[in-house]
């Protein structure tokens, strides 16, 4: 297929013209009129502004497994205490309840602080050309990489994560410092997966690289 703008051969996989960096709509090339409501997205091209495409912070829902385990342990301890105060430790019911509830409250407080800390310190940001990963509170670290350096992307969710709408996005990259970057606690991970994947594919089109 030829580019109607300059006459060069289009890439058969991407439809990109290597000369003018245009993506020709198949319907236009064949002369078919697009159906009503069928839109045509503007093709990525060199010189596109670097704008923010997606941003998120760590979601405490990413600790759903921990919350469930902690809840089960809390219920078990309460049941055990009830059984004990009805038997051999009946005379020490007050002390037993005090110790149990104190330990349970401490455990919940620790994990609530961990969840708050992660939400406050872990942030993800995607722009047209770069991906940023921020972490840390007192000593803050911001890592960035070009989206073109992302070789592969995957999304993982277990059953509990699917129920609460959170998951992990895994990036395999050419970056020597982060060859396997796992984004934990990502809200709506499917949306993040699609936007990161589209950003890297758009950049491949801009650079006339075969889309993988």
C-alpha atoms as a PDB file:
ATOM      1  CA  UNK A   1       0.000   0.000   0.000  1.00  0.00           C
ATOM      2  CA  UNK A   2       1.278   3.478  -0.914  1.00  0.00           C
ATOM      3  CA  UNK A   3       1.182   6.626   1.181  1.00  0.00           C
ATOM      4  CA  UNK A   4      -1.212   9.064  -0.574  1.00  0.00           C
ATOM      5  CA  UNK A   5       0.877  11.960   0.726  1.00  0.00           C
ATOM      6  CA  UNK A   6       4.358  11.097  -0.615  1.00  0.00           C
ATOM      7  CA  UNK A   7       3.927   7.804  -2.483  1.00  0.00           C
ATOM      8  CA  UNK A   8       6.269   5.770  -0.227  1.00  0.00           C
ATOM      9  CA  UNK A   9       5.462   2.191   0.755  1.00  0.00           C
ATOM     10  CA  UNK A  10       3.655   1.951   4.091  1.00  0.00           C
ATOM     11  CA  UNK A  11       4.851  -0.425   6.819  1.00  0.00           C
ATOM     12  CA  UNK A  12       2.521  -3.457   6.361  1.00  0.00           C
ATOM     13  CA  UNK A  13       2.253  -3.989  10.139  1.00  0.00           C
ATOM     14  CA  UNK A  14       1.747  -0.454  11.437  1.00  0.00           C
ATOM     15  CA  UNK A  15       0.537   1.457   8.392  1.00  0.00           C
ATOM     16  CA  UNK A  16       3.219   4.075   9.100  1.00  0.00           C
ATOM     17  CA  UNK A  17       4.816   6.022   6.267  1.00  0.00           C
ATOM     18  CA  UNK A  18       8.603   6.026   6.891  1.00  0.00           C
ATOM     19  CA  UNK A  19       8.971   9.365   5.110  1.00  0.00           C
ATOM     20  CA  UNK A  20       6.253  11.595   6.533  1.00  0.00           C
ATOM     21  CA  UNK A  21       5.490   9.561   9.688  1.00  0.00           C
ATOM     22  CA  UNK A  22       1.786   9.381   8.958  1.00  0.00           C
ATOM     23  CA  UNK A  23      -0.551   6.497   9.718  1.00  0.00           C
ATOM     24  CA  UNK A  24      -3.021   6.223   6.875  1.00  0.00           C
ATOM     25  CA  UNK A  25      -6.545   5.120   7.692  1.00  0.00           C
ATOM     26  CA  UNK A  26      -7.319   1.857   5.917  1.00  0.00           C
ATOM     27  CA  UNK A  27     -10.766   3.091   4.990  1.00  0.00           C
ATOM     28  CA  UNK A  28      -9.311   6.180   3.317  1.00  0.00           C
ATOM     29  CA  UNK A  29      -6.780   4.114   1.402  1.00  0.00           C
ATOM     30  CA  UNK A  30      -9.482   1.824   0.060  1.00  0.00           C
ATOM     31  CA  UNK A  31     -11.971   4.608  -0.582  1.00  0.00           C
ATOM     32  CA  UNK A  32     -14.562   3.278   1.878  1.00  0.00           C
ATOM     33  CA  UNK A  33     -16.502   5.835   3.867  1.00  0.00           C
ATOM     34  CA  UNK A  34     -16.245   5.170   7.606  1.00  0.00           C
ATOM     35  CA  UNK A  35     -19.491   4.166   9.301  1.00  0.00           C
ATOM     36  CA  UNK A  36     -21.364   6.647  11.435  1.00  0.00           C
ATOM     37  CA  UNK A  37     -19.687   7.038  14.837  1.00  0.00           C
ATOM     38  CA  UNK A  38     -16.485   5.376  13.643  1.00  0.00           C
ATOM     39  CA  UNK A  39     -13.747   7.785  14.712  1.00  0.00           C
ATOM     40  CA  UNK A  40     -10.167   8.069  13.523  1.00  0.00           C
ATOM     41  CA  UNK A  41      -7.555   8.736  16.185  1.00  0.00           C
ATOM     42  CA  UNK A  42      -4.753  11.098  15.223  1.00  0.00           C
ATOM     43  CA  UNK A  43      -1.576   9.195  14.501  1.00  0.00           C
ATOM     44  CA  UNK A  44       1.408   9.797  16.783  1.00  0.00           C
ATOM     45  CA  UNK A  45       4.167  11.808  15.148  1.00  0.00           C
ATOM     46  CA  UNK A  46       7.530  13.276  15.992  1.00  0.00           C
ATOM     47  CA  UNK A  47       7.290  16.531  17.879  1.00  0.00           C
ATOM     48  CA  UNK A  48       4.216  15.547  19.897  1.00  0.00           C
ATOM     49  CA  UNK A  49       4.195  17.492  23.213  1.00  0.00           C
ATOM     50  CA  UNK A  50       5.192  15.645  26.370  1.00  0.00           C
ATOM     51  CA  UNK A  51       1.893  15.579  28.272  1.00  0.00           C
ATOM     52  CA  UNK A  52       0.718  13.586  31.274  1.00  0.00           C
ATOM     53  CA  UNK A  53      -1.224  10.473  30.211  1.00  0.00           C
ATOM     54  CA  UNK A  54      -1.788   8.704  33.535  1.00  0.00           C
ATOM     55  CA  UNK A  55      -1.025   9.173  37.216  1.00  0.00           C
ATOM     56  CA  UNK A  56      -1.739   7.073  40.321  1.00  0.00           C
ATOM     57  CA  UNK A  57      -0.529   6.440  43.837  1.00  0.00           C
ATOM     58  CA  UNK A  58      -0.311   3.168  45.742  1.00  0.00           C
ATOM     59  CA  UNK A  59      -3.742   1.924  46.793  1.00  0.00           C
ATOM     60  CA  UNK A  60      -4.107   0.374  50.296  1.00  0.00           C
ATOM     61  CA  UNK A  61      -6.384  -2.145  48.575  1.00  0.00           C
ATOM     62  CA  UNK A  62      -3.137  -3.677  47.326  1.00  0.00           C
ATOM     63  CA  UNK A  63      -2.760  -5.085  50.865  1.00  0.00           C
ATOM     64  CA  UNK A  64      -6.096  -6.910  50.650  1.00  0.00           C
ATOM     65  CA  UNK A  65      -4.424 -10.256  51.345  1.00  0.00           C
ATOM     66  CA  UNK A  66      -2.870  -8.864  54.520  1.00  0.00           C
ATOM     67  CA  UNK A  67      -6.188  -7.376  55.652  1.00  0.00           C
ATOM     68  CA  UNK A  68      -7.974 -10.709  55.167  1.00  0.00           C
ATOM     69  CA  UNK A  69      -5.298 -12.670  57.065  1.00  0.00           C
ATOM     70  CA  UNK A  70      -5.307 -10.113  59.876  1.00  0.00           C
ATOM     71  CA  UNK A  71      -9.095 -10.297  60.075  1.00  0.00           C
ATOM     72  CA  UNK A  72      -9.034 -14.101  60.290  1.00  0.00           C
ATOM     73  CA  UNK A  73      -6.359 -13.993  63.033  1.00  0.00           C
ATOM     74  CA  UNK A  74      -8.445 -11.459  64.974  1.00  0.00           C
ATOM     75  CA  UNK A  75     -11.536 -13.686  64.822  1.00  0.00           C
ATOM     76  CA  UNK A  76      -9.545 -16.787  65.842  1.00  0.00           C
ATOM     77  CA  UNK A  77      -8.007 -15.011  68.853  1.00  0.00           C
ATOM     78  CA  UNK A  78     -11.405 -13.785  70.018  1.00  0.00           C
ATOM     79  CA  UNK A  79     -12.881 -17.283  69.700  1.00  0.00           C
ATOM     80  CA  UNK A  80      -9.934 -18.790  71.612  1.00  0.00           C
ATOM     81  CA  UNK A  81     -10.335 -16.220  74.383  1.00  0.00           C
ATOM     82  CA  UNK A  82     -14.035 -16.986  74.695  1.00  0.00           C
ATOM     83  CA  UNK A  83     -13.263 -20.682  75.055  1.00  0.00           C
ATOM     84  CA  UNK A  84     -10.508 -20.054  77.611  1.00  0.00           C
ATOM     85  CA  UNK A  85     -12.525 -17.770  79.856  1.00  0.00           C
ATOM     86  CA  UNK A  86     -15.282 -20.374  79.935  1.00  0.00           C
ATOM     87  CA  UNK A  87     -12.744 -22.969  81.106  1.00  0.00           C
ATOM     88  CA  UNK A  88      -9.353 -22.910  82.843  1.00  0.00           C
ATOM     89  CA  UNK A  89      -8.774 -19.128  82.669  1.00  0.00           C
ATOM     90  CA  UNK A  90     -12.185 -18.004  83.840  1.00  0.00           C
ATOM     91  CA  UNK A  91     -10.701 -16.139  86.794  1.00  0.00           C
ATOM     92  CA  UNK A  92      -8.292 -14.248  84.529  1.00  0.00           C
ATOM     93  CA  UNK A  93     -10.841 -13.130  81.926  1.00  0.00           C
ATOM     94  CA  UNK A  94     -10.073  -9.413  82.311  1.00  0.00           C
ATOM     95  CA  UNK A  95      -6.324  -9.808  81.883  1.00  0.00           C
ATOM     96  CA  UNK A  96      -6.727 -12.202  78.955  1.00  0.00           C
ATOM     97  CA  UNK A  97      -9.073  -9.869  77.101  1.00  0.00           C
ATOM     98  CA  UNK A  98      -6.779  -6.924  77.774  1.00  0.00           C
ATOM     99  CA  UNK A  99      -3.727  -8.706  76.343  1.00  0.00           C
ATOM    100  CA  UNK A 100      -5.600 -10.058  73.314  1.00  0.00           C
ATOM    101  CA  UNK A 101      -7.290  -6.801  72.382  1.00  0.00           C
ATOM    102  CA  UNK A 102      -4.045  -4.889  72.922  1.00  0.00           C
ATOM    103  CA  UNK A 103      -2.111  -7.165  70.564  1.00  0.00           C
ATOM    104  CA  UNK A 104      -4.879  -7.084  67.954  1.00  0.00           C
ATOM    105  CA  UNK A 105      -5.126  -3.280  68.096  1.00  0.00           C
ATOM    106  CA  UNK A 106      -1.333  -2.964  67.812  1.00  0.00           C
ATOM    107  CA  UNK A 107      -1.224  -5.258  64.764  1.00  0.00           C
ATOM    108  CA  UNK A 108      -4.013  -3.328  63.012  1.00  0.00           C
ATOM    109  CA  UNK A 109      -2.350  -0.003  63.832  1.00  0.00           C
ATOM    110  CA  UNK A 110       1.002  -1.153  62.403  1.00  0.00           C
ATOM    111  CA  UNK A 111      -0.532  -2.281  59.124  1.00  0.00           C
ATOM    112  CA  UNK A 112      -2.680   0.859  58.855  1.00  0.00           C
ATOM    113  CA  UNK A 113       0.469   2.958  59.203  1.00  0.00           C
ATOM    114  CA  UNK A 114       2.213   0.842  56.555  1.00  0.00           C
ATOM    115  CA  UNK A 115      -0.750   1.308  54.195  1.00  0.00           C
ATOM    116  CA  UNK A 116      -0.808   5.084  54.797  1.00  0.00           C
ATOM    117  CA  UNK A 117       2.974   5.309  54.279  1.00  0.00           C
ATOM    118  CA  UNK A 118       2.838   3.443  50.971  1.00  0.00           C
ATOM    119  CA  UNK A 119      -0.061   5.552  49.691  1.00  0.00           C
ATOM    120  CA  UNK A 120       1.731   8.773  50.675  1.00  0.00           C
ATOM    121  CA  UNK A 121       5.129   7.846  49.262  1.00  0.00           C
ATOM    122  CA  UNK A 122       4.628   5.586  46.210  1.00  0.00           C
ATOM    123  CA  UNK A 123       3.453   7.324  43.054  1.00  0.00           C
ATOM    124  CA  UNK A 124       3.413   6.412  39.370  1.00  0.00           C
ATOM    125  CA  UNK A 125       3.264   8.867  36.466  1.00  0.00           C
ATOM    126  CA  UNK A 126       3.203   8.334  32.704  1.00  0.00           C
ATOM    127  CA  UNK A 127       3.810  11.006  30.075  1.00  0.00           C
ATOM    128  CA  UNK A 128       4.054  10.843  26.314  1.00  0.00           C
ATOM    129  CA  UNK A 129       7.755   9.985  26.414  1.00  0.00           C
ATOM    130  CA  UNK A 130       8.649   8.920  29.955  1.00  0.00           C
ATOM    131  CA  UNK A 131       7.512   6.802  32.908  1.00  0.00           C
ATOM    132  CA  UNK A 132       8.206   8.003  36.477  1.00  0.00           C
ATOM    133  CA  UNK A 133       8.266   5.940  39.694  1.00  0.00           C
ATOM    134  CA  UNK A 134       8.473   7.887  42.952  1.00  0.00           C
ATOM    135  CA  UNK A 135       9.041   6.415  46.413  1.00  0.00           C
ATOM    136  CA  UNK A 136      10.307   7.454  49.835  1.00  0.00           C
ATOM    137  CA  UNK A 137       9.288  10.092  52.387  1.00  0.00           C
ATOM    138  CA  UNK A 138      12.317  11.506  54.195  1.00  0.00           C
ATOM    139  CA  UNK A 139      14.675  10.367  51.456  1.00  0.00           C
ATOM    140  CA  UNK A 140      12.646  10.612  48.259  1.00  0.00           C
ATOM    141  CA  UNK A 141      13.734   8.806  45.110  1.00  0.00           C
ATOM    142  CA  UNK A 142      12.313   9.444  41.652  1.00  0.00           C
ATOM    143  CA  UNK A 143      13.273   6.977  38.911  1.00  0.00           C
ATOM    144  CA  UNK A 144      12.377   7.596  35.302  1.00  0.00           C
ATOM    145  CA  UNK A 145      12.774   5.796  32.024  1.00  0.00           C
ATOM    146  CA  UNK A 146      11.837   6.421  28.433  1.00  0.00           C
ATOM    147  CA  UNK A 147       8.744   4.527  27.365  1.00  0.00           C
ATOM    148  CA  UNK A 148      10.701   3.303  24.337  1.00  0.00           C
ATOM    149  CA  UNK A 149      12.855   1.305  26.803  1.00  0.00           C
ATOM    150  CA  UNK A 150       9.864  -0.743  27.972  1.00  0.00           C
ATOM    151  CA  UNK A 151      10.262  -4.102  26.207  1.00  0.00           C
ATOM    152  CA  UNK A 152       7.207  -5.848  27.589  1.00  0.00           C
ATOM    153  CA  UNK A 153       4.336  -5.199  29.958  1.00  0.00           C
ATOM    154  CA  UNK A 154       2.087  -7.540  31.936  1.00  0.00           C
ATOM    155  CA  UNK A 155      -0.746  -7.239  34.446  1.00  0.00           C
ATOM    156  CA  UNK A 156      -1.434  -9.631  37.327  1.00  0.00           C
ATOM    157  CA  UNK A 157      -4.412  -9.888  39.695  1.00  0.00           C
ATOM    158  CA  UNK A 158      -5.425 -12.591  42.122  1.00  0.00           C
ATOM    159  CA  UNK A 159      -9.064 -13.221  43.022  1.00  0.00           C
ATOM    160  CA  UNK A 160      -9.108 -10.830  45.974  1.00  0.00           C
ATOM    161  CA  UNK A 161      -7.423  -8.100  43.943  1.00  0.00           C
ATOM    162  CA  UNK A 162     -10.019  -8.473  41.190  1.00  0.00           C
ATOM    163  CA  UNK A 163     -12.802  -8.085  43.742  1.00  0.00           C
ATOM    164  CA  UNK A 164     -11.452  -4.755  45.003  1.00  0.00           C
ATOM    165  CA  UNK A 165     -10.174  -3.435  41.645  1.00  0.00           C
ATOM    166  CA  UNK A 166      -6.434  -3.363  42.267  1.00  0.00           C
ATOM    167  CA  UNK A 167      -3.440  -5.252  40.889  1.00  0.00           C
ATOM    168  CA  UNK A 168       0.179  -5.275  39.784  1.00  0.00           C
ATOM    169  CA  UNK A 169       1.673  -4.068  36.523  1.00  0.00           C
ATOM    170  CA  UNK A 170       5.041  -5.571  35.559  1.00  0.00           C
ATOM    171  CA  UNK A 171       7.424  -3.765  33.211  1.00  0.00           C
ATOM    172  CA  UNK A 172      10.367  -5.533  31.588  1.00  0.00           C
ATOM    173  CA  UNK A 173      12.765  -2.832  30.477  1.00  0.00           C
ATOM    174  CA  UNK A 174      16.139  -2.063  28.971  1.00  0.00           C
ATOM    175  CA  UNK A 175      16.944   0.055  32.045  1.00  0.00           C
ATOM    176  CA  UNK A 176      19.875  -1.643  33.835  1.00  0.00           C
ATOM    177  CA  UNK A 177      18.767  -0.243  37.211  1.00  0.00           C
ATOM    178  CA  UNK A 178      15.208  -1.602  36.870  1.00  0.00           C
ATOM    179  CA  UNK A 179      15.166  -4.478  34.356  1.00  0.00           C
ATOM    180  CA  UNK A 180      12.020  -5.838  36.042  1.00  0.00           C
ATOM    181  CA  UNK A 181       9.908  -3.090  37.573  1.00  0.00           C
ATOM    182  CA  UNK A 182       6.835  -4.255  39.510  1.00  0.00           C
ATOM    183  CA  UNK A 183       4.191  -1.628  40.217  1.00  0.00           C
ATOM    184  CA  UNK A 184       2.296  -2.757  43.323  1.00  0.00           C
ATOM    185  CA  UNK A 185      -1.113  -1.594  44.466  1.00  0.00           C
ATOM    186  CA  UNK A 186      -2.136  -0.086  41.119  1.00  0.00           C
ATOM    187  CA  UNK A 187      -5.802   1.005  41.088  1.00  0.00           C
ATOM    188  CA  UNK A 188      -7.638  -0.072  37.927  1.00  0.00           C
ATOM    189  CA  UNK A 189      -4.560  -1.965  36.652  1.00  0.00           C
ATOM    190  CA  UNK A 190      -6.142  -2.735  33.280  1.00  0.00           C
ATOM    191  CA  UNK A 191      -6.401   0.978  32.493  1.00  0.00           C
ATOM    192  CA  UNK A 192      -2.764   1.479  33.535  1.00  0.00           C
ATOM    193  CA  UNK A 193      -1.697  -1.511  31.420  1.00  0.00           C
ATOM    194  CA  UNK A 194      -3.461  -0.162  28.326  1.00  0.00           C
ATOM    195  CA  UNK A 195      -2.118   3.384  28.679  1.00  0.00           C
ATOM    196  CA  UNK A 196       1.500   2.335  29.275  1.00  0.00           C
ATOM    197  CA  UNK A 197       1.358  -0.154  26.398  1.00  0.00           C
ATOM    198  CA  UNK A 198      -0.153   2.447  24.063  1.00  0.00           C
ATOM    199  CA  UNK A 199       2.474   5.031  25.043  1.00  0.00           C
ATOM    200  CA  UNK A 200       5.355   2.697  24.194  1.00  0.00           C
ATOM    201  CA  UNK A 201       3.736   1.620  20.917  1.00  0.00           C
ATOM    202  CA  UNK A 202       3.122   5.241  19.925  1.00  0.00           C
ATOM    203  CA  UNK A 203       6.768   6.028  20.573  1.00  0.00           C
ATOM    204  CA  UNK A 204       7.811   3.058  18.446  1.00  0.00           C
ATOM    205  CA  UNK A 205       5.680   4.468  15.630  1.00  0.00           C
ATOM    206  CA  UNK A 206       7.276   7.915  16.021  1.00  0.00           C
ATOM    207  CA  UNK A 207      10.728   6.358  15.695  1.00  0.00           C
ATOM    208  CA  UNK A 208       9.648   4.044  12.860  1.00  0.00           C
ATOM    209  CA  UNK A 209      10.434   0.973  14.937  1.00  0.00           C
ATOM    210  CA  UNK A 210       8.567  -2.252  14.249  1.00  0.00           C
ATOM    211  CA  UNK A 211       5.761  -2.479  16.815  1.00  0.00           C
ATOM    212  CA  UNK A 212       6.051  -5.518  19.114  1.00  0.00           C
END
